[in-house]
């Protein structure tokens, strides 16, 4: 199986690219999220790939980040979703937005993506919800693709409350309240303590 391609970007269009790797031209279908991050044509780049093999064809799908490829593969595991719909989902929403929609049971948001019907959107929520870690879901809902130190403290504090039996929504409210005006950059333990004391 082909897991990545590294070579010159010969042709670049919103849905497909052509890469010259050692004198061989590879056609690769990409989502808009990856297309926006690709360099200009004639430049060298590396694209992660998913090699889809069918009886009548072999097709390459390309991604700039491992997160995009992982989500593409997770989408393919859902009944009724093939490569075209999975690519459409990643073109209509970022990885973070898709994760957030699943974590928040936002069927309407998923259904708004071209090619995804309501029943498919409902299946996405049910089947993907358990495949994301609590940390991934929280990062998606707080809008942090790459959380900074402050975001990590908040996430860890929320996860600490969840492990104590609090519901996710309640834990988020408690930690936000406890961390409000936290100019001294308190540690996770101190934020959790304040949350439990209602301060």
C-alpha atoms as a PDB file:
ATOM      1  CA  UNK A   1       0.000   0.000   0.000  1.00  0.00           C
ATOM      2  CA  UNK A   2       1.128   3.557  -0.720  1.00  0.00           C
ATOM      3  CA  UNK A   3       1.205   5.559   2.527  1.00  0.00           C
ATOM      4  CA  UNK A   4       2.791   8.791   1.313  1.00  0.00           C
ATOM      5  CA  UNK A   5       4.197  10.498  -1.758  1.00  0.00           C
ATOM      6  CA  UNK A   6       7.121  12.915  -1.814  1.00  0.00           C
ATOM      7  CA  UNK A   7       7.961  14.757  -4.990  1.00  0.00           C
ATOM      8  CA  UNK A   8       7.193  17.748  -7.200  1.00  0.00           C
ATOM      9  CA  UNK A   9       3.661  19.141  -7.280  1.00  0.00           C
ATOM     10  CA  UNK A  10       2.953  19.241 -11.030  1.00  0.00           C
ATOM     11  CA  UNK A  11      -0.738  20.166 -11.092  1.00  0.00           C
ATOM     12  CA  UNK A  12      -2.950  21.548  -8.338  1.00  0.00           C
ATOM     13  CA  UNK A  13      -6.745  21.869  -8.419  1.00  0.00           C
ATOM     14  CA  UNK A  14      -9.242  22.151  -5.528  1.00  0.00           C
ATOM     15  CA  UNK A  15     -10.191  18.459  -5.681  1.00  0.00           C
ATOM     16  CA  UNK A  16      -7.130  16.777  -7.208  1.00  0.00           C
ATOM     17  CA  UNK A  17      -3.396  17.122  -7.585  1.00  0.00           C
ATOM     18  CA  UNK A  18      -0.732  15.431  -9.693  1.00  0.00           C
ATOM     19  CA  UNK A  19       2.666  14.653  -8.184  1.00  0.00           C
ATOM     20  CA  UNK A  20       5.839  13.703 -10.019  1.00  0.00           C
ATOM     21  CA  UNK A  21       7.619  11.102  -7.908  1.00  0.00           C
ATOM     22  CA  UNK A  22      10.748   9.752  -9.575  1.00  0.00           C
ATOM     23  CA  UNK A  23       9.402  10.439 -13.050  1.00  0.00           C
ATOM     24  CA  UNK A  24       5.999   8.849 -12.385  1.00  0.00           C
ATOM     25  CA  UNK A  25       2.901  11.062 -12.254  1.00  0.00           C
ATOM     26  CA  UNK A  26       0.446  10.170  -9.467  1.00  0.00           C
ATOM     27  CA  UNK A  27      -3.098  11.532  -9.494  1.00  0.00           C
ATOM     28  CA  UNK A  28      -4.273  12.168  -5.933  1.00  0.00           C
ATOM     29  CA  UNK A  29      -7.718  13.353  -4.815  1.00  0.00           C
ATOM     30  CA  UNK A  30      -7.590  15.825  -1.916  1.00  0.00           C
ATOM     31  CA  UNK A  31     -10.080  17.606   0.366  1.00  0.00           C
ATOM     32  CA  UNK A  32     -10.179  21.415   0.381  1.00  0.00           C
ATOM     33  CA  UNK A  33      -8.657  21.420   3.875  1.00  0.00           C
ATOM     34  CA  UNK A  34      -5.462  19.899   2.423  1.00  0.00           C
ATOM     35  CA  UNK A  35      -5.564  21.830  -0.857  1.00  0.00           C
ATOM     36  CA  UNK A  36      -5.354  25.132   1.051  1.00  0.00           C
ATOM     37  CA  UNK A  37      -2.118  24.025   2.751  1.00  0.00           C
ATOM     38  CA  UNK A  38      -0.284  22.789  -0.340  1.00  0.00           C
ATOM     39  CA  UNK A  39       2.640  24.772  -1.787  1.00  0.00           C
ATOM     40  CA  UNK A  40       2.631  26.298  -5.279  1.00  0.00           C
ATOM     41  CA  UNK A  41       3.072  24.035  -8.308  1.00  0.00           C
ATOM     42  CA  UNK A  42       6.636  22.982  -9.210  1.00  0.00           C
ATOM     43  CA  UNK A  43       7.556  22.934  -5.529  1.00  0.00           C
ATOM     44  CA  UNK A  44       8.460  19.766  -3.640  1.00  0.00           C
ATOM     45  CA  UNK A  45       6.063  18.496  -1.012  1.00  0.00           C
ATOM     46  CA  UNK A  46       5.056  15.397   0.946  1.00  0.00           C
ATOM     47  CA  UNK A  47       1.465  14.165   0.954  1.00  0.00           C
ATOM     48  CA  UNK A  48       0.107  11.414   3.207  1.00  0.00           C
ATOM     49  CA  UNK A  49      -2.080   9.032   1.244  1.00  0.00           C
ATOM     50  CA  UNK A  50      -4.864   6.517   1.610  1.00  0.00           C
ATOM     51  CA  UNK A  51      -4.665   3.854  -1.108  1.00  0.00           C
ATOM     52  CA  UNK A  52      -8.206   2.765  -1.925  1.00  0.00           C
ATOM     53  CA  UNK A  53      -8.347  -0.498  -3.865  1.00  0.00           C
ATOM     54  CA  UNK A  54     -11.516  -1.672  -5.611  1.00  0.00           C
ATOM     55  CA  UNK A  55     -12.119  -4.439  -8.132  1.00  0.00           C
ATOM     56  CA  UNK A  56     -12.236  -1.944 -10.994  1.00  0.00           C
ATOM     57  CA  UNK A  57      -9.844   0.778  -9.831  1.00  0.00           C
ATOM     58  CA  UNK A  58      -7.070   1.913  -7.508  1.00  0.00           C
ATOM     59  CA  UNK A  59      -7.427   5.468  -6.242  1.00  0.00           C
ATOM     60  CA  UNK A  60      -5.144   7.614  -4.093  1.00  0.00           C
ATOM     61  CA  UNK A  61      -6.541  10.144  -1.610  1.00  0.00           C
ATOM     62  CA  UNK A  62      -4.101  12.665  -0.182  1.00  0.00           C
ATOM     63  CA  UNK A  63      -3.840  14.666   3.052  1.00  0.00           C
ATOM     64  CA  UNK A  64      -1.442  17.228   4.442  1.00  0.00           C
ATOM     65  CA  UNK A  65      -1.952  16.198   8.082  1.00  0.00           C
ATOM     66  CA  UNK A  66      -2.189  12.840   9.838  1.00  0.00           C
ATOM     67  CA  UNK A  67      -5.360  14.080  11.567  1.00  0.00           C
ATOM     68  CA  UNK A  68      -7.132  14.488   8.231  1.00  0.00           C
ATOM     69  CA  UNK A  69      -6.130  11.013   7.069  1.00  0.00           C
ATOM     70  CA  UNK A  70      -7.170   9.411  10.366  1.00  0.00           C
ATOM     71  CA  UNK A  71     -10.584  11.067  10.239  1.00  0.00           C
ATOM     72  CA  UNK A  72     -10.983  10.036   6.580  1.00  0.00           C
ATOM     73  CA  UNK A  73     -10.309   6.414   7.569  1.00  0.00           C
ATOM     74  CA  UNK A  74     -12.763   6.647  10.490  1.00  0.00           C
ATOM     75  CA  UNK A  75     -15.437   8.035   8.160  1.00  0.00           C
ATOM     76  CA  UNK A  76     -14.906   5.111   5.760  1.00  0.00           C
ATOM     77  CA  UNK A  77     -15.634   2.703   8.625  1.00  0.00           C
ATOM     78  CA  UNK A  78     -19.219   4.033   8.799  1.00  0.00           C
ATOM     79  CA  UNK A  79     -21.869   2.172   6.819  1.00  0.00           C
ATOM     80  CA  UNK A  80     -23.039   4.236   3.845  1.00  0.00           C
ATOM     81  CA  UNK A  81     -19.937   6.452   3.644  1.00  0.00           C
ATOM     82  CA  UNK A  82     -17.514   5.909   0.789  1.00  0.00           C
ATOM     83  CA  UNK A  83     -14.377   7.859  -0.191  1.00  0.00           C
ATOM     84  CA  UNK A  84     -16.299  10.573  -2.089  1.00  0.00           C
ATOM     85  CA  UNK A  85     -18.580  11.422   0.846  1.00  0.00           C
ATOM     86  CA  UNK A  86     -15.662  11.236   3.309  1.00  0.00           C
ATOM     87  CA  UNK A  87     -13.704  13.653   1.099  1.00  0.00           C
ATOM     88  CA  UNK A  88     -16.763  15.917   0.847  1.00  0.00           C
ATOM     89  CA  UNK A  89     -17.053  15.937   4.657  1.00  0.00           C
ATOM     90  CA  UNK A  90     -13.412  17.021   5.023  1.00  0.00           C
ATOM     91  CA  UNK A  91     -13.902  19.659   2.330  1.00  0.00           C
ATOM     92  CA  UNK A  92     -17.004  21.069   4.041  1.00  0.00           C
ATOM     93  CA  UNK A  93     -15.623  21.099   7.597  1.00  0.00           C
ATOM     94  CA  UNK A  94     -12.210  21.124   9.247  1.00  0.00           C
ATOM     95  CA  UNK A  95     -11.084  18.168  11.377  1.00  0.00           C
ATOM     96  CA  UNK A  96     -11.797  20.234  14.506  1.00  0.00           C
ATOM     97  CA  UNK A  97     -15.286  21.197  13.297  1.00  0.00           C
ATOM     98  CA  UNK A  98     -16.160  17.588  12.458  1.00  0.00           C
ATOM     99  CA  UNK A  99     -14.964  16.363  15.852  1.00  0.00           C
ATOM    100  CA  UNK A 100     -16.877  19.150  17.609  1.00  0.00           C
ATOM    101  CA  UNK A 101     -20.076  18.372  15.673  1.00  0.00           C
ATOM    102  CA  UNK A 102     -19.812  14.701  16.654  1.00  0.00           C
ATOM    103  CA  UNK A 103     -18.976  15.490  20.307  1.00  0.00           C
ATOM    104  CA  UNK A 104     -21.903  17.924  20.540  1.00  0.00           C
ATOM    105  CA  UNK A 105     -24.354  15.592  18.712  1.00  0.00           C
ATOM    106  CA  UNK A 106     -24.819  18.320  16.086  1.00  0.00           C
ATOM    107  CA  UNK A 107     -26.597  16.217  13.429  1.00  0.00           C
ATOM    108  CA  UNK A 108     -27.868  19.363  11.691  1.00  0.00           C
ATOM    109  CA  UNK A 109     -24.311  20.657  11.133  1.00  0.00           C
ATOM    110  CA  UNK A 110     -23.136  17.325   9.705  1.00  0.00           C
ATOM    111  CA  UNK A 111     -26.268  17.058   7.546  1.00  0.00           C
ATOM    112  CA  UNK A 112     -25.426  20.464   6.004  1.00  0.00           C
ATOM    113  CA  UNK A 113     -22.407  18.928   4.240  1.00  0.00           C
ATOM    114  CA  UNK A 114     -23.089  18.008   0.614  1.00  0.00           C
ATOM    115  CA  UNK A 115     -23.764  14.277   0.193  1.00  0.00           C
ATOM    116  CA  UNK A 116     -24.498  13.575   3.864  1.00  0.00           C
ATOM    117  CA  UNK A 117     -28.145  12.761   4.539  1.00  0.00           C
ATOM    118  CA  UNK A 118     -29.769  12.999   7.950  1.00  0.00           C
ATOM    119  CA  UNK A 119     -29.561   9.252   8.665  1.00  0.00           C
ATOM    120  CA  UNK A 120     -25.894   9.185   7.684  1.00  0.00           C
ATOM    121  CA  UNK A 121     -25.239  12.212   9.931  1.00  0.00           C
ATOM    122  CA  UNK A 122     -26.936  10.402  12.829  1.00  0.00           C
ATOM    123  CA  UNK A 123     -24.788   7.293  12.189  1.00  0.00           C
ATOM    124  CA  UNK A 124     -21.669   9.495  12.161  1.00  0.00           C
ATOM    125  CA  UNK A 125     -22.500  10.832  15.628  1.00  0.00           C
ATOM    126  CA  UNK A 126     -23.288   7.380  17.053  1.00  0.00           C
ATOM    127  CA  UNK A 127     -20.317   5.536  15.508  1.00  0.00           C
ATOM    128  CA  UNK A 128     -17.624   8.219  15.815  1.00  0.00           C
ATOM    129  CA  UNK A 129     -18.436   9.514  19.296  1.00  0.00           C
ATOM    130  CA  UNK A 130     -16.620   6.672  21.078  1.00  0.00           C
ATOM    131  CA  UNK A 131     -13.647   6.770  18.703  1.00  0.00           C
ATOM    132  CA  UNK A 132     -12.466  10.197  19.889  1.00  0.00           C
ATOM    133  CA  UNK A 133     -10.741  10.503  23.248  1.00  0.00           C
ATOM    134  CA  UNK A 134     -12.198  12.900  25.824  1.00  0.00           C
ATOM    135  CA  UNK A 135      -9.173  15.131  25.242  1.00  0.00           C
ATOM    136  CA  UNK A 136      -9.775  15.271  21.478  1.00  0.00           C
ATOM    137  CA  UNK A 137     -13.447  16.088  21.975  1.00  0.00           C
ATOM    138  CA  UNK A 138     -12.678  18.867  24.460  1.00  0.00           C
ATOM    139  CA  UNK A 139     -10.003  20.388  22.227  1.00  0.00           C
ATOM    140  CA  UNK A 140     -12.438  20.372  19.315  1.00  0.00           C
ATOM    141  CA  UNK A 141     -15.229  22.013  21.344  1.00  0.00           C
ATOM    142  CA  UNK A 142     -12.922  24.687  22.766  1.00  0.00           C
ATOM    143  CA  UNK A 143     -11.649  25.465  19.263  1.00  0.00           C
ATOM    144  CA  UNK A 144      -8.049  24.499  19.935  1.00  0.00           C
ATOM    145  CA  UNK A 145      -6.411  22.522  17.114  1.00  0.00           C
ATOM    146  CA  UNK A 146      -3.055  23.003  18.791  1.00  0.00           C
ATOM    147  CA  UNK A 147      -3.712  23.945  22.407  1.00  0.00           C
ATOM    148  CA  UNK A 148      -1.289  26.227  24.214  1.00  0.00           C
ATOM    149  CA  UNK A 149      -0.170  25.739  27.840  1.00  0.00           C
ATOM    150  CA  UNK A 150      -3.264  27.525  29.197  1.00  0.00           C
ATOM    151  CA  UNK A 151      -5.605  25.399  27.074  1.00  0.00           C
ATOM    152  CA  UNK A 152      -3.889  22.220  28.275  1.00  0.00           C
ATOM    153  CA  UNK A 153      -4.355  23.260  31.906  1.00  0.00           C
ATOM    154  CA  UNK A 154      -8.053  23.862  31.279  1.00  0.00           C
ATOM    155  CA  UNK A 155      -8.424  20.561  29.442  1.00  0.00           C
ATOM    156  CA  UNK A 156      -6.627  18.595  32.160  1.00  0.00           C
ATOM    157  CA  UNK A 157      -8.703  20.280  34.874  1.00  0.00           C
ATOM    158  CA  UNK A 158     -11.956  19.444  33.041  1.00  0.00           C
ATOM    159  CA  UNK A 159     -10.824  15.834  32.548  1.00  0.00           C
ATOM    160  CA  UNK A 160     -10.019  15.645  36.272  1.00  0.00           C
ATOM    161  CA  UNK A 161     -13.604  16.627  37.149  1.00  0.00           C
ATOM    162  CA  UNK A 162     -15.015  14.175  34.591  1.00  0.00           C
ATOM    163  CA  UNK A 163     -12.944  11.406  36.214  1.00  0.00           C
ATOM    164  CA  UNK A 164     -14.567  12.379  39.532  1.00  0.00           C
ATOM    165  CA  UNK A 165     -17.991  11.719  38.030  1.00  0.00           C
ATOM    166  CA  UNK A 166     -19.064  15.174  36.836  1.00  0.00           C
ATOM    167  CA  UNK A 167     -20.796  15.492  33.454  1.00  0.00           C
ATOM    168  CA  UNK A 168     -18.714  17.102  30.727  1.00  0.00           C
ATOM    169  CA  UNK A 169     -20.906  20.218  30.395  1.00  0.00           C
ATOM    170  CA  UNK A 170     -20.929  20.753  34.192  1.00  0.00           C
ATOM    171  CA  UNK A 171     -17.164  20.222  34.410  1.00  0.00           C
ATOM    172  CA  UNK A 172     -16.563  22.813  31.680  1.00  0.00           C
ATOM    173  CA  UNK A 173     -18.724  25.425  33.455  1.00  0.00           C
ATOM    174  CA  UNK A 174     -17.074  24.785  36.821  1.00  0.00           C
ATOM    175  CA  UNK A 175     -13.547  25.043  35.437  1.00  0.00           C
ATOM    176  CA  UNK A 176     -14.304  28.168  33.369  1.00  0.00           C
ATOM    177  CA  UNK A 177     -15.692  29.817  36.505  1.00  0.00           C
ATOM    178  CA  UNK A 178     -12.717  28.711  38.618  1.00  0.00           C
ATOM    179  CA  UNK A 179     -10.181  29.874  36.027  1.00  0.00           C
ATOM    180  CA  UNK A 180     -11.833  33.257  35.346  1.00  0.00           C
ATOM    181  CA  UNK A 181      -9.380  36.051  36.112  1.00  0.00           C
ATOM    182  CA  UNK A 182      -6.594  33.542  36.730  1.00  0.00           C
ATOM    183  CA  UNK A 183      -3.768  35.995  36.147  1.00  0.00           C
ATOM    184  CA  UNK A 184      -1.204  34.040  38.212  1.00  0.00           C
ATOM    185  CA  UNK A 185      -1.444  30.952  35.968  1.00  0.00           C
ATOM    186  CA  UNK A 186      -2.464  28.497  38.680  1.00  0.00           C
ATOM    187  CA  UNK A 187      -1.703  24.817  38.257  1.00  0.00           C
ATOM    188  CA  UNK A 188      -4.291  22.169  37.390  1.00  0.00           C
ATOM    189  CA  UNK A 189      -4.659  21.062  41.022  1.00  0.00           C
ATOM    190  CA  UNK A 190      -5.362  24.607  42.218  1.00  0.00           C
ATOM    191  CA  UNK A 191      -7.964  25.205  39.474  1.00  0.00           C
ATOM    192  CA  UNK A 192      -9.697  21.902  40.314  1.00  0.00           C
ATOM    193  CA  UNK A 193      -9.639  22.739  44.032  1.00  0.00           C
ATOM    194  CA  UNK A 194     -11.237  26.144  43.366  1.00  0.00           C
ATOM    195  CA  UNK A 195     -13.844  24.521  41.114  1.00  0.00           C
ATOM    196  CA  UNK A 196     -14.788  21.995  43.806  1.00  0.00           C
ATOM    197  CA  UNK A 197     -15.040  24.771  46.392  1.00  0.00           C
ATOM    198  CA  UNK A 198     -17.168  26.846  44.022  1.00  0.00           C
ATOM    199  CA  UNK A 199     -14.704  29.769  43.974  1.00  0.00           C
END
